[in-house]
Amino acid sequence: MDPAVTALLLAAGLSSRMGATKQLLLLHDKTVIRHCLDALFDADIRDILVVIGLQGDAIMESLQHLPVGVVRNEVPNSDMAESIRTGLRTLESTQGGVLICLSDYPLVSANTIRALVRAFNNYPNNVIIPQYEGRRGHPTLFPLKLISGIFSGLTLRDIVHRNSKMIFTVDVNDEGILLDLDSKEDYRLIQTKLRDRPIGEKTQAENGT
């Protein structure tokens, strides 16, 4: 049986550099966070948990009627590790893998997510990281037993570093794994990249299917 994979979509940041809630910015006809979710849906990830912050009510409202769980990181001004801990506390111990997705990487394709899951099915004890033209990006798929080290005060970077011999990289044809949305300049760039993306790399929703 293939290991189960749960996606944690982290959306608890304050978007201070952007000056607006970046997860709710529009990219063409849908929000940034919906682009992230549609890629997960199209990749057949069915167990999805969105982690929002104290000021995440508008994000939560935008997720109504979608087949995702939502949990709130209640720690003010906390880091990514605390959001991951918040999400992990809700997971069943039998889960095989945790796909850590960042909600400011809206161009990650469903094909990339499928490739990560396939690799994890073959190497369920490894940390699976996508790579585009020699550069590692996001999202990253962790075995639950390794990412649980985050409860010992480690960061994701620490976990990856300590388990460097357990890393399996997957080459993908997806620049989206490198493109994060932190500033207005990033927003304009991602709008352009999305407009120019080949039809075959778009999600089913973007293709109108």
N, C-alpha and C. Protein backbone atom coordinates (compact mmCIF):
# COMPACT_ATOMS: atom_id res chain seq x y z
N MET A 1 0.85 -1.21 0.00
CA MET A 1 0.00 0.00 0.00
C MET A 1 0.88 1.25 0.00
N ASP A 2 0.52 2.23 -0.82
CA ASP A 2 1.29 3.47 -0.86
C ASP A 2 1.15 4.22 0.46
N PRO A 3 2.24 4.87 0.92
CA PRO A 3 2.14 5.67 2.14
C PRO A 3 1.15 6.82 1.94
N ALA A 4 0.42 7.12 2.99
CA ALA A 4 -0.52 8.25 2.93
C ALA A 4 0.27 9.56 3.00
N VAL A 5 -0.21 10.57 2.30
CA VAL A 5 0.43 11.88 2.31
C VAL A 5 -0.62 12.93 2.68
N THR A 6 -0.29 13.74 3.67
CA THR A 6 -1.10 14.88 4.05
C THR A 6 -0.37 16.15 3.65
N ALA A 7 -1.10 17.12 3.13
CA ALA A 7 -0.50 18.42 2.79
C ALA A 7 -0.82 19.43 3.89
N LEU A 8 0.22 20.08 4.39
CA LEU A 8 0.05 21.24 5.26
C LEU A 8 0.33 22.48 4.43
N LEU A 9 -0.69 23.31 4.23
CA LEU A 9 -0.53 24.55 3.47
C LEU A 9 -0.42 25.69 4.48
N LEU A 10 0.75 26.28 4.58
CA LEU A 10 1.03 27.29 5.60
C LEU A 10 0.62 28.67 5.11
N ALA A 11 -0.31 29.29 5.85
CA ALA A 11 -0.87 30.58 5.44
C ALA A 11 -1.04 31.50 6.64
N ALA A 12 -0.07 31.46 7.55
CA ALA A 12 -0.19 32.23 8.79
C ALA A 12 0.66 33.49 8.80
N GLY A 13 1.38 33.76 7.71
CA GLY A 13 2.25 34.94 7.67
C GLY A 13 1.46 36.24 7.67
N LEU A 14 2.14 37.31 8.04
CA LEU A 14 1.49 38.62 8.16
C LEU A 14 1.51 39.43 6.87
N SER A 15 2.22 38.98 5.84
CA SER A 15 2.30 39.69 4.55
C SER A 15 2.75 41.13 4.72
N SER A 16 3.68 41.38 5.65
CA SER A 16 4.08 42.75 5.96
C SER A 16 4.75 43.45 4.78
N ARG A 17 5.54 42.73 4.01
CA ARG A 17 6.22 43.36 2.87
C ARG A 17 5.25 43.68 1.74
N MET A 18 4.22 42.88 1.61
CA MET A 18 3.25 43.08 0.53
C MET A 18 2.29 44.22 0.84
N GLY A 19 1.97 44.41 2.13
CA GLY A 19 1.02 45.44 2.51
C GLY A 19 -0.42 45.03 2.37
N ALA A 20 -0.66 43.77 2.03
CA ALA A 20 -2.01 43.21 1.90
C ALA A 20 -1.90 41.71 2.12
N THR A 21 -3.02 41.07 2.41
CA THR A 21 -2.99 39.62 2.61
C THR A 21 -2.70 38.95 1.28
N LYS A 22 -1.47 38.45 1.13
CA LYS A 22 -1.05 37.99 -0.19
C LYS A 22 -1.79 36.74 -0.63
N GLN A 23 -2.25 35.93 0.32
CA GLN A 23 -2.99 34.73 -0.06
C GLN A 23 -4.30 35.06 -0.77
N LEU A 24 -4.81 36.27 -0.56
CA LEU A 24 -6.09 36.66 -1.15
C LEU A 24 -5.94 37.58 -2.36
N LEU A 25 -4.71 37.86 -2.74
CA LEU A 25 -4.51 38.63 -3.97
C LEU A 25 -4.97 37.81 -5.17
N LEU A 26 -5.46 38.49 -6.17
CA LEU A 26 -5.93 37.80 -7.36
C LEU A 26 -4.80 37.58 -8.35
N LEU A 27 -4.74 36.37 -8.87
CA LEU A 27 -3.90 36.04 -10.01
C LEU A 27 -4.85 35.57 -11.10
N HIS A 28 -5.06 36.41 -12.07
CA HIS A 28 -6.09 36.20 -13.08
C HIS A 28 -7.45 36.15 -12.38
N ASP A 29 -8.13 35.01 -12.40
CA ASP A 29 -9.51 35.01 -11.91
C ASP A 29 -9.67 34.32 -10.57
N LYS A 30 -8.57 34.04 -9.87
CA LYS A 30 -8.72 33.40 -8.56
C LYS A 30 -7.57 33.81 -7.65
N THR A 31 -7.74 33.54 -6.37
CA THR A 31 -6.78 34.02 -5.39
C THR A 31 -5.50 33.17 -5.39
N VAL A 32 -4.48 33.74 -4.79
CA VAL A 32 -3.20 33.04 -4.67
C VAL A 32 -3.39 31.71 -3.96
N ILE A 33 -4.11 31.71 -2.84
CA ILE A 33 -4.26 30.47 -2.09
C ILE A 33 -5.08 29.45 -2.86
N ARG A 34 -6.02 29.90 -3.68
CA ARG A 34 -6.79 28.94 -4.49
C ARG A 34 -5.92 28.30 -5.57
N HIS A 35 -4.96 29.05 -6.10
CA HIS A 35 -4.00 28.44 -7.04
C HIS A 35 -3.25 27.31 -6.34
N CYS A 36 -2.79 27.57 -5.11
CA CYS A 36 -2.07 26.54 -4.35
C CYS A 36 -2.95 25.32 -4.12
N LEU A 37 -4.19 25.55 -3.73
CA LEU A 37 -5.10 24.44 -3.43
C LEU A 37 -5.48 23.67 -4.69
N ASP A 38 -5.70 24.37 -5.79
CA ASP A 38 -6.09 23.68 -7.02
C ASP A 38 -4.98 22.74 -7.50
N ALA A 39 -3.73 23.15 -7.31
CA ALA A 39 -2.63 22.25 -7.68
C ALA A 39 -2.67 20.98 -6.83
N LEU A 40 -2.96 21.12 -5.55
CA LEU A 40 -3.07 19.95 -4.67
C LEU A 40 -4.27 19.09 -5.06
N PHE A 41 -5.40 19.72 -5.33
CA PHE A 41 -6.59 18.96 -5.76
C PHE A 41 -6.29 18.19 -7.04
N ASP A 42 -5.68 18.87 -8.01
CA ASP A 42 -5.40 18.24 -9.30
C ASP A 42 -4.39 17.11 -9.18
N ALA A 43 -3.55 17.18 -8.14
CA ALA A 43 -2.58 16.11 -7.91
C ALA A 43 -3.16 14.98 -7.06
N ASP A 44 -4.47 15.05 -6.79
CA ASP A 44 -5.17 14.02 -6.04
C ASP A 44 -4.73 13.93 -4.58
N ILE A 45 -4.31 15.05 -4.02
CA ILE A 45 -4.07 15.11 -2.58
C ILE A 45 -5.41 15.41 -1.91
N ARG A 46 -5.88 14.50 -1.11
CA ARG A 46 -7.21 14.63 -0.54
C ARG A 46 -7.20 15.04 0.93
N ASP A 47 -6.07 14.88 1.59
CA ASP A 47 -5.95 15.24 3.00
C ASP A 47 -5.16 16.53 3.08
N ILE A 48 -5.85 17.65 3.19
CA ILE A 48 -5.22 18.97 3.14
C ILE A 48 -5.62 19.76 4.37
N LEU A 49 -4.64 20.32 5.05
CA LEU A 49 -4.88 21.14 6.22
C LEU A 49 -4.22 22.49 6.01
N VAL A 50 -5.00 23.57 6.10
CA VAL A 50 -4.49 24.93 5.95
C VAL A 50 -4.26 25.51 7.34
N VAL A 51 -3.06 26.04 7.57
CA VAL A 51 -2.73 26.65 8.85
C VAL A 51 -2.77 28.17 8.67
N ILE A 52 -3.69 28.81 9.37
CA ILE A 52 -3.82 30.27 9.30
C ILE A 52 -3.32 30.88 10.60
N GLY A 53 -3.19 32.20 10.60
CA GLY A 53 -2.72 32.91 11.78
C GLY A 53 -3.85 33.59 12.52
N LEU A 54 -3.48 34.40 13.51
CA LEU A 54 -4.47 35.09 14.33
C LEU A 54 -5.32 36.04 13.50
N GLN A 55 -4.77 36.58 12.42
CA GLN A 55 -5.50 37.52 11.57
C GLN A 55 -5.98 36.86 10.28
N GLY A 56 -6.22 35.57 10.35
CA GLY A 56 -6.56 34.81 9.15
C GLY A 56 -8.03 34.60 8.90
N ASP A 57 -8.90 35.41 9.51
CA ASP A 57 -10.35 35.19 9.34
C ASP A 57 -10.78 35.29 7.88
N ALA A 58 -10.23 36.26 7.15
CA ALA A 58 -10.62 36.42 5.75
C ALA A 58 -10.17 35.22 4.92
N ILE A 59 -9.00 34.68 5.24
CA ILE A 59 -8.55 33.48 4.54
C ILE A 59 -9.49 32.32 4.85
N MET A 60 -9.85 32.15 6.13
CA MET A 60 -10.76 31.08 6.51
C MET A 60 -12.09 31.20 5.76
N GLU A 61 -12.59 32.41 5.68
CA GLU A 61 -13.86 32.62 4.98
C GLU A 61 -13.76 32.23 3.51
N SER A 62 -12.60 32.51 2.90
CA SER A 62 -12.43 32.19 1.47
C SER A 62 -12.38 30.69 1.23
N LEU A 63 -12.15 29.90 2.28
CA LEU A 63 -12.01 28.46 2.13
C LEU A 63 -13.29 27.71 2.41
N GLN A 64 -14.34 28.44 2.77
CA GLN A 64 -15.62 27.78 3.04
C GLN A 64 -16.07 26.99 1.81
N HIS A 65 -16.63 25.83 2.09
CA HIS A 65 -17.17 24.93 1.06
C HIS A 65 -16.08 24.20 0.27
N LEU A 66 -14.81 24.38 0.65
CA LEU A 66 -13.74 23.61 0.01
C LEU A 66 -13.40 22.41 0.90
N PRO A 67 -12.98 21.31 0.30
CA PRO A 67 -12.71 20.09 1.08
C PRO A 67 -11.35 20.12 1.75
N VAL A 68 -11.17 21.09 2.65
CA VAL A 68 -9.91 21.23 3.37
C VAL A 68 -10.21 21.48 4.85
N GLY A 69 -9.28 21.09 5.69
CA GLY A 69 -9.36 21.46 7.09
C GLY A 69 -8.63 22.77 7.33
N VAL A 70 -8.99 23.45 8.39
CA VAL A 70 -8.35 24.71 8.74
C VAL A 70 -8.03 24.69 10.23
N VAL A 71 -6.82 25.07 10.58
CA VAL A 71 -6.43 25.18 11.98
C VAL A 71 -5.69 26.50 12.15
N ARG A 72 -5.82 27.09 13.33
CA ARG A 72 -5.23 28.41 13.56
C ARG A 72 -4.00 28.32 14.46
N ASN A 73 -2.92 28.92 14.02
CA ASN A 73 -1.74 29.11 14.85
C ASN A 73 -2.03 30.28 15.79
N GLU A 74 -2.15 29.99 17.07
CA GLU A 74 -2.57 31.00 18.04
C GLU A 74 -1.40 31.77 18.65
N VAL A 75 -0.18 31.47 18.25
CA VAL A 75 0.99 32.11 18.85
C VAL A 75 1.33 33.38 18.07
N PRO A 76 1.24 34.56 18.70
CA PRO A 76 1.52 35.81 17.97
C PRO A 76 2.97 35.87 17.50
N ASN A 77 3.14 36.39 16.28
CA ASN A 77 4.48 36.64 15.72
C ASN A 77 5.37 35.39 15.73
N SER A 78 4.77 34.25 15.56
CA SER A 78 5.54 33.01 15.59
C SER A 78 6.15 32.72 14.22
N ASP A 79 7.04 31.74 14.19
CA ASP A 79 7.72 31.41 12.95
C ASP A 79 7.03 30.24 12.24
N MET A 80 7.59 29.86 11.10
CA MET A 80 7.02 28.77 10.32
C MET A 80 6.96 27.48 11.11
N ALA A 81 7.98 27.24 11.93
CA ALA A 81 8.04 26.00 12.70
C ALA A 81 6.82 25.86 13.60
N GLU A 82 6.37 26.96 14.18
CA GLU A 82 5.20 26.88 15.06
C GLU A 82 3.94 26.56 14.26
N SER A 83 3.83 27.09 13.05
CA SER A 83 2.68 26.73 12.21
C SER A 83 2.70 25.24 11.86
N ILE A 84 3.89 24.71 11.61
CA ILE A 84 4.00 23.29 11.31
C ILE A 84 3.63 22.46 12.53
N ARG A 85 4.12 22.87 13.69
CA ARG A 85 3.73 22.16 14.92
C ARG A 85 2.23 22.19 15.12
N THR A 86 1.62 23.34 14.85
CA THR A 86 0.17 23.47 14.97
C THR A 86 -0.54 22.47 14.07
N GLY A 87 -0.08 22.36 12.83
CA GLY A 87 -0.70 21.43 11.91
C GLY A 87 -0.46 19.98 12.30
N LEU A 88 0.77 19.66 12.69
CA LEU A 88 1.10 18.27 13.01
C LEU A 88 0.31 17.76 14.20
N ARG A 89 -0.03 18.65 15.12
CA ARG A 89 -0.79 18.20 16.30
C ARG A 89 -2.15 17.63 15.94
N THR A 90 -2.65 17.98 14.77
CA THR A 90 -3.99 17.50 14.37
C THR A 90 -3.93 16.22 13.54
N LEU A 91 -2.72 15.79 13.17
CA LEU A 91 -2.60 14.65 12.27
C LEU A 91 -2.61 13.33 13.04
N GLU A 92 -3.09 12.30 12.39
CA GLU A 92 -3.05 10.96 12.95
C GLU A 92 -1.62 10.42 12.86
N SER A 93 -1.20 9.66 13.86
CA SER A 93 0.17 9.14 13.89
C SER A 93 0.43 8.14 12.78
N THR A 94 -0.63 7.65 12.13
CA THR A 94 -0.45 6.66 11.07
C THR A 94 -0.12 7.30 9.73
N GLN A 95 -0.17 8.62 9.64
CA GLN A 95 0.14 9.26 8.37
C GLN A 95 1.59 8.98 7.99
N GLY A 96 1.82 8.69 6.71
CA GLY A 96 3.16 8.33 6.27
C GLY A 96 4.03 9.51 5.92
N GLY A 97 3.45 10.56 5.31
CA GLY A 97 4.26 11.67 4.86
C GLY A 97 3.52 12.99 4.98
N VAL A 98 4.27 14.06 5.13
CA VAL A 98 3.70 15.40 5.27
C VAL A 98 4.33 16.30 4.21
N LEU A 99 3.50 16.80 3.33
CA LEU A 99 3.94 17.71 2.28
C LEU A 99 3.79 19.13 2.79
N ILE A 100 4.90 19.80 3.01
CA ILE A 100 4.88 21.17 3.53
C ILE A 100 4.82 22.13 2.34
N CYS A 101 3.67 22.80 2.22
CA CYS A 101 3.42 23.73 1.11
C CYS A 101 3.35 25.15 1.66
N LEU A 102 3.92 26.07 0.93
CA LEU A 102 3.88 27.48 1.32
C LEU A 102 2.88 28.21 0.45
N SER A 103 2.01 28.99 1.08
CA SER A 103 0.91 29.61 0.34
C SER A 103 1.34 30.81 -0.48
N ASP A 104 2.63 31.12 -0.48
CA ASP A 104 3.11 32.20 -1.36
C ASP A 104 3.93 31.64 -2.52
N TYR A 105 3.69 30.38 -2.87
CA TYR A 105 4.27 29.76 -4.06
C TYR A 105 3.13 29.28 -4.96
N PRO A 106 2.41 30.21 -5.60
CA PRO A 106 1.18 29.84 -6.31
C PRO A 106 1.38 29.17 -7.66
N LEU A 107 2.61 29.12 -8.16
CA LEU A 107 2.82 28.55 -9.49
C LEU A 107 3.32 27.11 -9.46
N VAL A 108 3.46 26.52 -8.28
CA VAL A 108 3.84 25.11 -8.22
C VAL A 108 2.77 24.29 -8.93
N SER A 109 3.19 23.40 -9.82
CA SER A 109 2.24 22.67 -10.65
C SER A 109 1.80 21.36 -10.00
N ALA A 110 0.65 20.88 -10.43
CA ALA A 110 0.17 19.58 -9.98
C ALA A 110 1.13 18.48 -10.40
N ASN A 111 1.75 18.61 -11.56
CA ASN A 111 2.71 17.61 -12.02
C ASN A 111 3.88 17.48 -11.06
N THR A 112 4.34 18.60 -10.52
CA THR A 112 5.43 18.57 -9.55
C THR A 112 5.00 17.82 -8.29
N ILE A 113 3.80 18.13 -7.81
CA ILE A 113 3.32 17.46 -6.60
C ILE A 113 3.18 15.96 -6.83
N ARG A 114 2.65 15.58 -7.99
CA ARG A 114 2.55 14.15 -8.31
C ARG A 114 3.93 13.50 -8.30
N ALA A 115 4.92 14.18 -8.87
CA ALA A 115 6.28 13.62 -8.94
C ALA A 115 6.85 13.42 -7.54
N LEU A 116 6.58 14.35 -6.63
CA LEU A 116 7.07 14.21 -5.26
C LEU A 116 6.42 13.03 -4.57
N VAL A 117 5.11 12.88 -4.77
CA VAL A 117 4.41 11.76 -4.13
C VAL A 117 4.90 10.43 -4.70
N ARG A 118 5.11 10.36 -6.01
CA ARG A 118 5.64 9.12 -6.61
C ARG A 118 6.99 8.77 -6.01
N ALA A 119 7.85 9.77 -5.86
CA ALA A 119 9.17 9.52 -5.28
C ALA A 119 9.04 9.05 -3.83
N PHE A 120 8.11 9.66 -3.10
CA PHE A 120 7.92 9.26 -1.70
C PHE A 120 7.39 7.84 -1.60
N ASN A 121 6.53 7.45 -2.55
CA ASN A 121 6.03 6.09 -2.55
C ASN A 121 7.17 5.08 -2.70
N ASN A 122 8.21 5.47 -3.45
CA ASN A 122 9.36 4.61 -3.65
C ASN A 122 10.40 4.73 -2.55
N TYR A 123 10.47 5.90 -1.93
CA TYR A 123 11.48 6.16 -0.90
C TYR A 123 10.79 6.79 0.33
N PRO A 124 9.96 6.02 1.03
CA PRO A 124 9.13 6.59 2.10
C PRO A 124 9.89 7.02 3.35
N ASN A 125 11.17 6.72 3.44
CA ASN A 125 11.98 7.15 4.58
C ASN A 125 12.82 8.38 4.28
N ASN A 126 12.67 8.91 3.07
CA ASN A 126 13.50 10.02 2.63
C ASN A 126 12.74 11.34 2.63
N VAL A 127 13.51 12.44 2.70
CA VAL A 127 12.98 13.79 2.49
C VAL A 127 13.01 14.06 0.99
N ILE A 128 11.85 14.36 0.42
CA ILE A 128 11.74 14.53 -1.03
C ILE A 128 11.67 16.02 -1.36
N ILE A 129 12.63 16.49 -2.16
CA ILE A 129 12.73 17.92 -2.48
C ILE A 129 12.76 18.10 -3.99
N PRO A 130 11.93 19.01 -4.54
CA PRO A 130 11.98 19.26 -5.98
C PRO A 130 13.18 20.12 -6.35
N GLN A 131 13.65 19.96 -7.58
CA GLN A 131 14.80 20.70 -8.06
C GLN A 131 14.55 21.14 -9.50
N TYR A 132 14.80 22.43 -9.75
CA TYR A 132 14.64 22.99 -11.10
C TYR A 132 15.95 23.61 -11.52
N GLU A 133 16.52 23.08 -12.59
CA GLU A 133 17.80 23.57 -13.13
C GLU A 133 18.86 23.68 -12.04
N GLY A 134 18.92 22.63 -11.21
CA GLY A 134 19.96 22.55 -10.19
C GLY A 134 19.66 23.29 -8.90
N ARG A 135 18.50 23.94 -8.80
CA ARG A 135 18.14 24.71 -7.60
C ARG A 135 16.96 24.04 -6.89
N ARG A 136 17.14 23.80 -5.60
CA ARG A 136 16.06 23.21 -4.81
C ARG A 136 15.00 24.25 -4.49
N GLY A 137 13.75 23.77 -4.41
CA GLY A 137 12.65 24.68 -4.12
C GLY A 137 11.62 24.06 -3.21
N HIS A 138 10.39 24.51 -3.34
CA HIS A 138 9.26 24.07 -2.51
C HIS A 138 8.17 23.52 -3.41
N PRO A 139 7.32 22.63 -2.87
CA PRO A 139 7.20 22.15 -1.49
C PRO A 139 8.15 21.00 -1.22
N THR A 140 8.23 20.59 0.06
CA THR A 140 9.07 19.48 0.47
C THR A 140 8.22 18.44 1.17
N LEU A 141 8.49 17.17 0.89
CA LEU A 141 7.72 16.07 1.45
C LEU A 141 8.58 15.33 2.47
N PHE A 142 8.11 15.29 3.71
CA PHE A 142 8.85 14.70 4.81
C PHE A 142 8.16 13.44 5.33
N PRO A 143 8.92 12.40 5.68
CA PRO A 143 8.32 11.32 6.47
C PRO A 143 7.91 11.89 7.83
N LEU A 144 6.79 11.45 8.34
CA LEU A 144 6.29 11.98 9.61
C LEU A 144 7.32 11.80 10.73
N LYS A 145 8.02 10.68 10.72
CA LYS A 145 8.97 10.43 11.81
C LYS A 145 10.12 11.42 11.80
N LEU A 146 10.47 11.98 10.63
CA LEU A 146 11.54 12.96 10.58
C LEU A 146 11.03 14.36 10.91
N ILE A 147 9.90 14.74 10.33
CA ILE A 147 9.42 16.10 10.57
C ILE A 147 8.96 16.28 12.01
N SER A 148 8.67 15.18 12.70
CA SER A 148 8.28 15.29 14.10
C SER A 148 9.39 15.86 14.96
N GLY A 149 10.62 15.88 14.42
CA GLY A 149 11.72 16.52 15.14
C GLY A 149 11.49 18.00 15.38
N ILE A 150 10.53 18.57 14.69
CA ILE A 150 10.24 20.00 14.87
C ILE A 150 9.69 20.28 16.26
N PHE A 151 9.19 19.24 16.93
CA PHE A 151 8.72 19.40 18.31
C PHE A 151 9.88 19.47 19.30
N SER A 152 11.09 19.21 18.84
CA SER A 152 12.27 19.30 19.70
C SER A 152 12.98 20.64 19.55
N GLY A 153 12.30 21.60 18.93
CA GLY A 153 12.87 22.93 18.75
C GLY A 153 13.63 23.12 17.47
N LEU A 154 13.60 22.12 16.59
CA LEU A 154 14.29 22.24 15.31
C LEU A 154 13.45 23.03 14.31
N THR A 155 14.10 23.63 13.33
CA THR A 155 13.43 24.23 12.18
C THR A 155 13.46 23.24 11.03
N LEU A 156 12.71 23.54 9.96
CA LEU A 156 12.79 22.68 8.78
C LEU A 156 14.21 22.61 8.25
N ARG A 157 14.89 23.73 8.25
CA ARG A 157 16.29 23.75 7.77
C ARG A 157 17.16 22.82 8.61
N ASP A 158 16.93 22.84 9.93
CA ASP A 158 17.70 21.95 10.81
C ASP A 158 17.43 20.48 10.48
N ILE A 159 16.16 20.17 10.26
CA ILE A 159 15.79 18.78 9.97
C ILE A 159 16.42 18.32 8.67
N VAL A 160 16.36 19.17 7.65
CA VAL A 160 16.97 18.81 6.37
C VAL A 160 18.48 18.64 6.53
N HIS A 161 19.12 19.55 7.27
CA HIS A 161 20.56 19.48 7.46
C HIS A 161 20.96 18.20 8.21
N ARG A 162 20.22 17.88 9.26
CA ARG A 162 20.56 16.71 10.07
C ARG A 162 20.31 15.40 9.33
N ASN A 163 19.44 15.46 8.34
CA ASN A 163 19.12 14.25 7.57
C ASN A 163 19.59 14.38 6.13
N SER A 164 20.74 15.01 5.94
CA SER A 164 21.22 15.30 4.59
C SER A 164 21.44 14.03 3.77
N LYS A 165 21.76 12.92 4.43
CA LYS A 165 21.96 11.67 3.71
C LYS A 165 20.65 11.00 3.31
N MET A 166 19.53 11.55 3.82
CA MET A 166 18.21 10.98 3.53
C MET A 166 17.44 11.81 2.52
N ILE A 167 18.12 12.76 1.86
CA ILE A 167 17.44 13.63 0.90
C ILE A 167 17.41 12.96 -0.47
N PHE A 168 16.24 13.01 -1.09
CA PHE A 168 16.08 12.54 -2.47
C PHE A 168 15.52 13.70 -3.27
N THR A 169 16.28 14.18 -4.25
CA THR A 169 15.82 15.30 -5.06
C THR A 169 15.15 14.79 -6.33
N VAL A 170 14.12 15.51 -6.73
CA VAL A 170 13.35 15.18 -7.93
C VAL A 170 13.48 16.34 -8.92
N ASP A 171 14.05 16.07 -10.07
CA ASP A 171 14.17 17.10 -11.10
C ASP A 171 12.79 17.34 -11.72
N VAL A 172 12.37 18.60 -11.74
CA VAL A 172 11.07 18.95 -12.30
C VAL A 172 11.23 20.09 -13.29
N ASN A 173 10.35 20.14 -14.26
CA ASN A 173 10.33 21.23 -15.23
C ASN A 173 9.31 22.27 -14.76
N ASP A 174 9.62 22.89 -13.63
CA ASP A 174 8.63 23.75 -12.97
C ASP A 174 9.35 24.87 -12.22
N GLU A 175 9.48 26.02 -12.88
CA GLU A 175 10.11 27.17 -12.24
C GLU A 175 9.31 27.65 -11.03
N GLY A 176 8.04 27.26 -10.96
CA GLY A 176 7.19 27.69 -9.85
C GLY A 176 7.71 27.29 -8.49
N ILE A 177 8.54 26.26 -8.41
CA ILE A 177 9.07 25.83 -7.11
C ILE A 177 10.03 26.86 -6.52
N LEU A 178 10.46 27.82 -7.35
CA LEU A 178 11.42 28.84 -6.91
C LEU A 178 10.79 30.21 -6.73
N LEU A 179 9.54 30.39 -7.18
CA LEU A 179 8.95 31.73 -7.27
C LEU A 179 8.00 31.99 -6.10
N ASP A 180 8.51 32.74 -5.11
CA ASP A 180 7.67 33.08 -3.97
C ASP A 180 7.16 34.50 -4.10
N LEU A 181 6.09 34.77 -3.40
CA LEU A 181 5.37 36.04 -3.51
C LEU A 181 5.57 36.84 -2.23
N ASP A 182 6.59 37.69 -2.23
CA ASP A 182 6.89 38.47 -1.03
C ASP A 182 6.70 39.97 -1.21
N SER A 183 6.76 40.44 -2.46
CA SER A 183 6.72 41.88 -2.71
C SER A 183 5.83 42.17 -3.91
N LYS A 184 5.58 43.44 -4.12
CA LYS A 184 4.77 43.85 -5.27
C LYS A 184 5.49 43.51 -6.57
N GLU A 185 6.82 43.56 -6.56
CA GLU A 185 7.59 43.17 -7.75
C GLU A 185 7.40 41.68 -8.03
N ASP A 186 7.41 40.87 -6.97
CA ASP A 186 7.16 39.43 -7.14
C ASP A 186 5.77 39.19 -7.72
N TYR A 187 4.81 39.96 -7.25
CA TYR A 187 3.43 39.82 -7.71
C TYR A 187 3.33 40.07 -9.21
N ARG A 188 3.97 41.13 -9.66
CA ARG A 188 3.95 41.43 -11.10
C ARG A 188 4.65 40.34 -11.90
N LEU A 189 5.77 39.84 -11.38
CA LEU A 189 6.50 38.79 -12.08
C LEU A 189 5.66 37.52 -12.18
N ILE A 190 5.02 37.14 -11.10
CA ILE A 190 4.22 35.91 -11.09
C ILE A 190 3.01 36.05 -11.99
N GLN A 191 2.42 37.24 -12.04
CA GLN A 191 1.32 37.47 -12.97
C GLN A 191 1.77 37.21 -14.40
N THR A 192 2.96 37.70 -14.73
CA THR A 192 3.49 37.50 -16.08
C THR A 192 3.78 36.03 -16.34
N LYS A 193 4.40 35.36 -15.40
CA LYS A 193 4.74 33.95 -15.55
C LYS A 193 3.47 33.11 -15.74
N LEU A 194 2.43 33.42 -14.98
CA LEU A 194 1.18 32.67 -15.09
C LEU A 194 0.54 32.89 -16.46
N ARG A 195 0.57 34.12 -16.92
CA ARG A 195 -0.01 34.44 -18.23
C ARG A 195 0.69 33.67 -19.34
N ASP A 196 2.03 33.53 -19.19
CA ASP A 196 2.82 32.91 -20.24
C ASP A 196 2.98 31.41 -20.07
N ARG A 197 2.41 30.83 -19.02
CA ARG A 197 2.58 29.39 -18.78
C ARG A 197 1.91 28.60 -19.88
N PRO A 198 2.59 27.58 -20.42
CA PRO A 198 1.98 26.74 -21.46
C PRO A 198 0.71 26.08 -20.95
N ILE A 199 -0.26 25.88 -21.85
CA ILE A 199 -1.55 25.32 -21.47
C ILE A 199 -1.40 24.00 -20.74
N GLY A 200 -0.49 23.16 -21.19
CA GLY A 200 -0.33 21.84 -20.59
C GLY A 200 0.13 21.87 -19.15
N GLU A 201 0.66 23.01 -18.69
CA GLU A 201 1.16 23.11 -17.32
C GLU A 201 0.14 23.77 -16.40
N LYS A 202 -1.00 24.16 -16.93
CA LYS A 202 -2.01 24.79 -16.09
C LYS A 202 -2.86 23.74 -15.40
N THR A 203 -3.51 24.16 -14.31
CA THR A 203 -4.37 23.23 -13.59
C THR A 203 -5.63 22.99 -14.38
N GLN A 204 -6.38 21.97 -13.99
CA GLN A 204 -7.65 21.68 -14.64
C GLN A 204 -8.59 22.87 -14.56
N ALA A 205 -8.58 23.54 -13.41
CA ALA A 205 -9.48 24.69 -13.25
C ALA A 205 -9.10 25.81 -14.21
N GLU A 206 -7.79 26.03 -14.40
CA GLU A 206 -7.36 27.09 -15.31
C GLU A 206 -7.66 26.72 -16.75
N ASN A 207 -7.65 25.43 -17.04
CA ASN A 207 -7.96 24.99 -18.41
C ASN A 207 -9.46 24.90 -18.68
N GLY A 208 -10.25 25.15 -17.64
CA GLY A 208 -11.70 25.12 -17.81
C GLY A 208 -12.28 23.72 -17.84
N THR A 209 -11.55 22.76 -17.20
CA THR A 209 -12.03 21.38 -17.14
C THR A 209 -12.37 21.01 -15.73
